[in-house]
């Protein structure tokens, strides 16, 4: 159970990264809609300008209502903003940024999209995944899960081998070996047949001695 809690905590930190760090950068960009929509979350709550806040000291995430989310709630909160999933929602994705002059990029601009992509390989020490980048954190997590999975597989194999050995020992001690039982049955059958012949011979011999002795000259 403790191992499962550790894995869930790791997933919650990755979720918090997107809800906090990724959303913060996304809110700084602009959509390609006519209103140049900005200040909108990509993940989680759709309320404009309201973000999630990661507390590194307590390893907890707080939503825009000030509610501290537990591990499961943090994972469940990682959903795409409902306003982006509508028919025209793709126009609200904040791929555009600002020019050096401070003006908003044209509709073909991708400055904010580039900044969003660099978040995955950047390590700042202030994000939910700590002092490593999200890519490194994910790689480390997969490596750890792979090692644990291999260890569990080895343990299962060992336990199966033990059970097989115990079963074989039990069969050798109290089980029935059909080849051996058939051999014994044939041997006992032959012995019974031989004993029967011996008794038959003795019976015939006694019959001769008792019934045929002393009848000469009658």
C-alpha atoms as a PDB file:
ATOM      1  CA  UNK A   1       0.000   0.000   0.000  1.00  0.00           C
ATOM      2  CA  UNK A   2       2.851   2.363   0.842  1.00  0.00           C
ATOM      3  CA  UNK A   3       4.428   1.762  -2.580  1.00  0.00           C
ATOM      4  CA  UNK A   4       1.125   2.635  -4.260  1.00  0.00           C
ATOM      5  CA  UNK A   5       0.933   5.873  -2.288  1.00  0.00           C
ATOM      6  CA  UNK A   6       4.424   6.777  -3.506  1.00  0.00           C
ATOM      7  CA  UNK A   7       3.462   6.252  -7.139  1.00  0.00           C
ATOM      8  CA  UNK A   8       0.265   8.266  -6.700  1.00  0.00           C
ATOM      9  CA  UNK A   9       2.256  11.087  -5.125  1.00  0.00           C
ATOM     10  CA  UNK A  10       4.606  11.142  -8.126  1.00  0.00           C
ATOM     11  CA  UNK A  11       1.656  11.338 -10.506  1.00  0.00           C
ATOM     12  CA  UNK A  12       0.122  14.131  -8.437  1.00  0.00           C
ATOM     13  CA  UNK A  13       3.333  16.167  -8.714  1.00  0.00           C
ATOM     14  CA  UNK A  14       3.327  15.802 -12.493  1.00  0.00           C
ATOM     15  CA  UNK A  15      -0.316  16.851 -12.541  1.00  0.00           C
ATOM     16  CA  UNK A  16       0.490  19.852 -10.342  1.00  0.00           C
ATOM     17  CA  UNK A  17       3.242  20.863 -12.776  1.00  0.00           C
ATOM     18  CA  UNK A  18       0.707  21.246 -15.586  1.00  0.00           C
ATOM     19  CA  UNK A  19      -1.913  22.885 -13.394  1.00  0.00           C
ATOM     20  CA  UNK A  20       0.537  25.399 -11.932  1.00  0.00           C
ATOM     21  CA  UNK A  21       3.632  25.976 -14.091  1.00  0.00           C
ATOM     22  CA  UNK A  22       2.172  25.169 -17.508  1.00  0.00           C
ATOM     23  CA  UNK A  23      -1.032  27.116 -16.837  1.00  0.00           C
ATOM     24  CA  UNK A  24       0.937  30.146 -15.630  1.00  0.00           C
ATOM     25  CA  UNK A  25       2.771  30.363 -18.949  1.00  0.00           C
ATOM     26  CA  UNK A  26      -0.352  29.661 -20.980  1.00  0.00           C
ATOM     27  CA  UNK A  27      -2.205  32.542 -19.329  1.00  0.00           C
ATOM     28  CA  UNK A  28       0.476  34.938 -20.570  1.00  0.00           C
ATOM     29  CA  UNK A  29      -0.233  34.126 -24.223  1.00  0.00           C
ATOM     30  CA  UNK A  30      -3.025  34.998 -26.623  1.00  0.00           C
ATOM     31  CA  UNK A  31      -5.457  32.995 -28.707  1.00  0.00           C
ATOM     32  CA  UNK A  32      -6.042  33.595 -32.398  1.00  0.00           C
ATOM     33  CA  UNK A  33      -9.678  34.581 -31.893  1.00  0.00           C
ATOM     34  CA  UNK A  34     -10.891  38.088 -32.754  1.00  0.00           C
ATOM     35  CA  UNK A  35     -10.854  39.115 -29.094  1.00  0.00           C
ATOM     36  CA  UNK A  36      -7.196  38.092 -28.619  1.00  0.00           C
ATOM     37  CA  UNK A  37      -8.265  36.080 -25.580  1.00  0.00           C
ATOM     38  CA  UNK A  38      -5.610  35.871 -22.897  1.00  0.00           C
ATOM     39  CA  UNK A  39      -5.280  34.971 -19.229  1.00  0.00           C
ATOM     40  CA  UNK A  40      -6.937  31.573 -19.619  1.00  0.00           C
ATOM     41  CA  UNK A  41      -5.926  28.213 -18.185  1.00  0.00           C
ATOM     42  CA  UNK A  42      -5.170  25.297 -20.473  1.00  0.00           C
ATOM     43  CA  UNK A  43      -5.828  22.721 -17.740  1.00  0.00           C
ATOM     44  CA  UNK A  44      -8.333  22.587 -14.923  1.00  0.00           C
ATOM     45  CA  UNK A  45     -10.765  25.278 -13.901  1.00  0.00           C
ATOM     46  CA  UNK A  46     -11.953  27.464 -16.751  1.00  0.00           C
ATOM     47  CA  UNK A  47     -12.129  30.669 -14.719  1.00  0.00           C
ATOM     48  CA  UNK A  48     -10.032  33.285 -16.495  1.00  0.00           C
ATOM     49  CA  UNK A  49      -7.127  34.719 -14.542  1.00  0.00           C
ATOM     50  CA  UNK A  50      -7.466  32.184 -11.739  1.00  0.00           C
ATOM     51  CA  UNK A  51      -4.676  29.685 -11.447  1.00  0.00           C
ATOM     52  CA  UNK A  52      -3.521  26.848  -9.259  1.00  0.00           C
ATOM     53  CA  UNK A  53      -0.696  27.389  -6.787  1.00  0.00           C
ATOM     54  CA  UNK A  54       1.896  24.805  -5.805  1.00  0.00           C
ATOM     55  CA  UNK A  55       3.260  24.945  -2.255  1.00  0.00           C
ATOM     56  CA  UNK A  56       6.714  23.348  -2.283  1.00  0.00           C
ATOM     57  CA  UNK A  57       6.978  23.391   1.526  1.00  0.00           C
ATOM     58  CA  UNK A  58       3.875  21.236   2.002  1.00  0.00           C
ATOM     59  CA  UNK A  59       3.863  19.563  -1.445  1.00  0.00           C
ATOM     60  CA  UNK A  60       0.251  20.526  -1.962  1.00  0.00           C
ATOM     61  CA  UNK A  61      -1.728  22.272  -4.681  1.00  0.00           C
ATOM     62  CA  UNK A  62      -4.311  24.974  -4.016  1.00  0.00           C
ATOM     63  CA  UNK A  63      -7.073  25.752  -6.498  1.00  0.00           C
ATOM     64  CA  UNK A  64      -8.430  29.190  -7.382  1.00  0.00           C
ATOM     65  CA  UNK A  65     -10.916  28.982  -4.496  1.00  0.00           C
ATOM     66  CA  UNK A  66      -8.134  28.540  -1.965  1.00  0.00           C
ATOM     67  CA  UNK A  67      -8.938  24.864  -1.437  1.00  0.00           C
ATOM     68  CA  UNK A  68      -5.974  22.600  -0.789  1.00  0.00           C
ATOM     69  CA  UNK A  69      -6.252  19.516  -2.975  1.00  0.00           C
ATOM     70  CA  UNK A  70      -5.144  16.097  -1.804  1.00  0.00           C
ATOM     71  CA  UNK A  71      -3.241  13.644  -3.993  1.00  0.00           C
ATOM     72  CA  UNK A  72      -6.278  12.142  -5.733  1.00  0.00           C
ATOM     73  CA  UNK A  73      -7.974  15.504  -6.192  1.00  0.00           C
ATOM     74  CA  UNK A  74      -4.810  16.920  -7.768  1.00  0.00           C
ATOM     75  CA  UNK A  75      -4.685  14.084 -10.291  1.00  0.00           C
ATOM     76  CA  UNK A  76      -8.389  14.372 -11.097  1.00  0.00           C
ATOM     77  CA  UNK A  77      -8.059  18.138 -11.605  1.00  0.00           C
ATOM     78  CA  UNK A  78      -5.827  17.578 -14.648  1.00  0.00           C
ATOM     79  CA  UNK A  79      -8.461  17.942 -17.344  1.00  0.00           C
ATOM     80  CA  UNK A  80      -8.392  20.190 -20.388  1.00  0.00           C
ATOM     81  CA  UNK A  81     -10.186  23.466 -19.868  1.00  0.00           C
ATOM     82  CA  UNK A  82     -13.768  22.937 -21.045  1.00  0.00           C
ATOM     83  CA  UNK A  83     -13.708  26.212 -23.000  1.00  0.00           C
ATOM     84  CA  UNK A  84     -10.941  24.772 -25.202  1.00  0.00           C
ATOM     85  CA  UNK A  85     -12.879  21.656 -26.109  1.00  0.00           C
ATOM     86  CA  UNK A  86     -15.754  23.466 -27.799  1.00  0.00           C
ATOM     87  CA  UNK A  87     -16.003  23.769 -31.585  1.00  0.00           C
ATOM     88  CA  UNK A  88     -14.120  27.089 -31.627  1.00  0.00           C
ATOM     89  CA  UNK A  89     -12.052  26.306 -28.530  1.00  0.00           C
ATOM     90  CA  UNK A  90      -8.839  25.717 -30.483  1.00  0.00           C
ATOM     91  CA  UNK A  91      -8.772  29.444 -31.277  1.00  0.00           C
ATOM     92  CA  UNK A  92      -8.390  30.153 -27.555  1.00  0.00           C
ATOM     93  CA  UNK A  93      -5.170  28.146 -27.201  1.00  0.00           C
ATOM     94  CA  UNK A  94      -2.589  30.763 -26.289  1.00  0.00           C
ATOM     95  CA  UNK A  95       0.136  30.040 -28.838  1.00  0.00           C
ATOM     96  CA  UNK A  96       0.810  33.725 -29.534  1.00  0.00           C
ATOM     97  CA  UNK A  97       2.987  35.905 -27.358  1.00  0.00           C
ATOM     98  CA  UNK A  98       4.199  39.487 -27.435  1.00  0.00           C
ATOM     99  CA  UNK A  99       6.814  41.167 -29.611  1.00  0.00           C
ATOM    100  CA  UNK A 100       9.810  43.084 -28.293  1.00  0.00           C
ATOM    101  CA  UNK A 101       7.794  46.254 -28.763  1.00  0.00           C
ATOM    102  CA  UNK A 102       5.146  44.880 -26.436  1.00  0.00           C
ATOM    103  CA  UNK A 103       2.607  44.403 -29.203  1.00  0.00           C
ATOM    104  CA  UNK A 104       0.744  41.143 -29.598  1.00  0.00           C
ATOM    105  CA  UNK A 105       1.998  38.807 -32.309  1.00  0.00           C
ATOM    106  CA  UNK A 106      -0.025  38.219 -35.452  1.00  0.00           C
ATOM    107  CA  UNK A 107      -2.284  35.196 -35.847  1.00  0.00           C
ATOM    108  CA  UNK A 108       0.662  33.112 -37.100  1.00  0.00           C
ATOM    109  CA  UNK A 109       2.736  33.900 -34.009  1.00  0.00           C
ATOM    110  CA  UNK A 110       4.061  31.043 -31.857  1.00  0.00           C
ATOM    111  CA  UNK A 111       6.197  32.804 -29.259  1.00  0.00           C
ATOM    112  CA  UNK A 112       4.178  31.545 -26.299  1.00  0.00           C
ATOM    113  CA  UNK A 113       3.929  28.036 -27.773  1.00  0.00           C
ATOM    114  CA  UNK A 114       7.734  27.933 -27.897  1.00  0.00           C
ATOM    115  CA  UNK A 115       7.934  29.025 -24.265  1.00  0.00           C
ATOM    116  CA  UNK A 116       5.430  26.362 -23.306  1.00  0.00           C
ATOM    117  CA  UNK A 117       7.491  23.676 -25.038  1.00  0.00           C
ATOM    118  CA  UNK A 118      10.679  24.709 -23.217  1.00  0.00           C
ATOM    119  CA  UNK A 119       8.999  24.146 -19.846  1.00  0.00           C
ATOM    120  CA  UNK A 120       9.394  20.383 -20.213  1.00  0.00           C
ATOM    121  CA  UNK A 121      13.195  20.510 -20.331  1.00  0.00           C
ATOM    122  CA  UNK A 122      13.710  23.420 -17.945  1.00  0.00           C
ATOM    123  CA  UNK A 123      14.599  22.926 -14.273  1.00  0.00           C
ATOM    124  CA  UNK A 124      13.965  25.845 -11.978  1.00  0.00           C
ATOM    125  CA  UNK A 125      13.620  24.222  -8.573  1.00  0.00           C
ATOM    126  CA  UNK A 126      10.314  26.010  -7.998  1.00  0.00           C
ATOM    127  CA  UNK A 127       7.987  23.646  -9.829  1.00  0.00           C
ATOM    128  CA  UNK A 128       6.058  20.704  -8.429  1.00  0.00           C
ATOM    129  CA  UNK A 129       8.651  18.238  -9.729  1.00  0.00           C
ATOM    130  CA  UNK A 130      11.477  19.856  -7.757  1.00  0.00           C
ATOM    131  CA  UNK A 131      15.002  20.554  -8.953  1.00  0.00           C
ATOM    132  CA  UNK A 132      14.736  18.574 -12.190  1.00  0.00           C
ATOM    133  CA  UNK A 133      12.927  19.149 -15.455  1.00  0.00           C
ATOM    134  CA  UNK A 134       9.617  17.441 -16.146  1.00  0.00           C
ATOM    135  CA  UNK A 135      11.306  15.250 -18.773  1.00  0.00           C
ATOM    136  CA  UNK A 136      13.950  14.105 -16.298  1.00  0.00           C
ATOM    137  CA  UNK A 137      11.354  13.596 -13.587  1.00  0.00           C
ATOM    138  CA  UNK A 138       9.242  11.460 -15.923  1.00  0.00           C
ATOM    139  CA  UNK A 139      12.270   9.439 -17.050  1.00  0.00           C
ATOM    140  CA  UNK A 140      13.276   8.825 -13.446  1.00  0.00           C
ATOM    141  CA  UNK A 141       9.743   7.826 -12.528  1.00  0.00           C
ATOM    142  CA  UNK A 142       9.519   5.345 -15.400  1.00  0.00           C
ATOM    143  CA  UNK A 143      12.904   3.896 -14.472  1.00  0.00           C
ATOM    144  CA  UNK A 144      11.805   3.488 -10.858  1.00  0.00           C
ATOM    145  CA  UNK A 145       8.522   1.879 -11.854  1.00  0.00           C
ATOM    146  CA  UNK A 146      10.364  -0.405 -14.276  1.00  0.00           C
ATOM    147  CA  UNK A 147      12.744  -1.559 -11.552  1.00  0.00           C
ATOM    148  CA  UNK A 148       9.880  -2.201  -9.140  1.00  0.00           C
ATOM    149  CA  UNK A 149       7.940  -4.065 -11.824  1.00  0.00           C
ATOM    150  CA  UNK A 150      10.957  -6.270 -12.596  1.00  0.00           C
ATOM    151  CA  UNK A 151      11.446  -6.954  -8.885  1.00  0.00           C
ATOM    152  CA  UNK A 152       7.785  -7.981  -8.525  1.00  0.00           C
ATOM    153  CA  UNK A 153       8.039 -10.245 -11.587  1.00  0.00           C
ATOM    154  CA  UNK A 154      11.144 -11.914 -10.128  1.00  0.00           C
ATOM    155  CA  UNK A 155       9.399 -12.398  -6.802  1.00  0.00           C
ATOM    156  CA  UNK A 156       6.357 -13.929  -8.486  1.00  0.00           C
ATOM    157  CA  UNK A 157       8.602 -16.299 -10.476  1.00  0.00           C
ATOM    158  CA  UNK A 158      10.453 -17.353  -7.313  1.00  0.00           C
ATOM    159  CA  UNK A 159       7.226 -17.980  -5.437  1.00  0.00           C
ATOM    160  CA  UNK A 160       5.853 -20.026  -8.359  1.00  0.00           C
ATOM    161  CA  UNK A 161       9.032 -22.132  -8.344  1.00  0.00           C
ATOM    162  CA  UNK A 162       8.685 -22.673  -4.594  1.00  0.00           C
ATOM    163  CA  UNK A 163       5.052 -23.711  -4.991  1.00  0.00           C
ATOM    164  CA  UNK A 164       5.997 -26.107  -7.797  1.00  0.00           C
ATOM    165  CA  UNK A 165       8.732 -27.667  -5.660  1.00  0.00           C
ATOM    166  CA  UNK A 166       6.399 -28.039  -2.678  1.00  0.00           C
ATOM    167  CA  UNK A 167       3.707 -29.575  -4.877  1.00  0.00           C
ATOM    168  CA  UNK A 168       6.185 -32.073  -6.352  1.00  0.00           C
ATOM    169  CA  UNK A 169       7.430 -33.000  -2.873  1.00  0.00           C
ATOM    170  CA  UNK A 170       3.862 -33.509  -1.670  1.00  0.00           C
ATOM    171  CA  UNK A 171       3.059 -35.681  -4.668  1.00  0.00           C
ATOM    172  CA  UNK A 172       6.226 -37.700  -4.112  1.00  0.00           C
ATOM    173  CA  UNK A 173       5.248 -38.265  -0.480  1.00  0.00           C
ATOM    174  CA  UNK A 174       1.501 -38.835  -0.592  1.00  0.00           C
ATOM    175  CA  UNK A 175       0.453 -38.669  -4.207  1.00  0.00           C
ATOM    176  CA  UNK A 176      -0.367 -41.525  -6.594  1.00  0.00           C
ATOM    177  CA  UNK A 177       2.073 -42.521  -9.319  1.00  0.00           C
ATOM    178  CA  UNK A 178      -0.149 -44.304 -11.842  1.00  0.00           C
ATOM    179  CA  UNK A 179       2.711 -46.143 -13.554  1.00  0.00           C
ATOM    180  CA  UNK A 180       3.910 -47.469 -10.215  1.00  0.00           C
ATOM    181  CA  UNK A 181       0.391 -48.430  -9.130  1.00  0.00           C
ATOM    182  CA  UNK A 182      -0.247 -50.283 -12.415  1.00  0.00           C
ATOM    183  CA  UNK A 183       3.023 -52.175 -12.068  1.00  0.00           C
ATOM    184  CA  UNK A 184       2.126 -53.175  -8.518  1.00  0.00           C
ATOM    185  CA  UNK A 185      -1.347 -54.283  -9.618  1.00  0.00           C
ATOM    186  CA  UNK A 186       0.102 -56.558 -12.310  1.00  0.00           C
ATOM    187  CA  UNK A 187       2.664 -57.951  -9.850  1.00  0.00           C
ATOM    188  CA  UNK A 188       0.003 -58.683  -7.238  1.00  0.00           C
ATOM    189  CA  UNK A 189      -2.271 -60.207  -9.883  1.00  0.00           C
ATOM    190  CA  UNK A 190       0.514 -62.564 -11.003  1.00  0.00           C
ATOM    191  CA  UNK A 191       1.245 -63.445  -7.384  1.00  0.00           C
ATOM    192  CA  UNK A 192      -2.430 -64.179  -6.707  1.00  0.00           C
ATOM    193  CA  UNK A 193      -2.627 -66.317  -9.840  1.00  0.00           C
ATOM    194  CA  UNK A 194       0.476 -68.274  -8.819  1.00  0.00           C
ATOM    195  CA  UNK A 195      -0.903 -68.815  -5.293  1.00  0.00           C
ATOM    196  CA  UNK A 196      -4.203 -70.007  -6.741  1.00  0.00           C
ATOM    197  CA  UNK A 197      -2.446 -72.573  -8.922  1.00  0.00           C
ATOM    198  CA  UNK A 198      -0.444 -73.785  -5.956  1.00  0.00           C
ATOM    199  CA  UNK A 199      -3.585 -74.272  -3.867  1.00  0.00           C
ATOM    200  CA  UNK A 200      -5.324 -75.992  -6.776  1.00  0.00           C
ATOM    201  CA  UNK A 201      -2.392 -78.417  -7.132  1.00  0.00           C
ATOM    202  CA  UNK A 202      -2.378 -79.153  -3.393  1.00  0.00           C
ATOM    203  CA  UNK A 203      -6.140 -79.691  -3.465  1.00  0.00           C
ATOM    204  CA  UNK A 204      -5.851 -82.175  -6.324  1.00  0.00           C
ATOM    205  CA  UNK A 205      -2.993 -83.939  -4.572  1.00  0.00           C
ATOM    206  CA  UNK A 206      -4.949 -84.307  -1.330  1.00  0.00           C
ATOM    207  CA  UNK A 207      -7.961 -85.505  -3.272  1.00  0.00           C
ATOM    208  CA  UNK A 208      -5.877 -88.251  -4.821  1.00  0.00           C
ATOM    209  CA  UNK A 209      -4.364 -89.250  -1.497  1.00  0.00           C
ATOM    210  CA  UNK A 210      -7.650 -89.358   0.338  1.00  0.00           C
ATOM    211  CA  UNK A 211      -9.973 -90.739  -2.248  1.00  0.00           C
ATOM    212  CA  UNK A 212      -7.709 -93.027  -4.250  1.00  0.00           C
ATOM    213  CA  UNK A 213      -5.444 -94.561  -1.566  1.00  0.00           C
ATOM    214  CA  UNK A 214      -6.368 -98.159  -0.537  1.00  0.00           C
ATOM    215  CA  UNK A 215      -8.701 -98.912  -3.392  1.00  0.00           C
ATOM    216  CA  UNK A 216      -6.329-101.291  -5.132  1.00  0.00           C
ATOM    217  CA  UNK A 217      -7.795-104.831  -5.419  1.00  0.00           C
ATOM    218  CA  UNK A 218     -11.384-103.850  -4.877  1.00  0.00           C
END
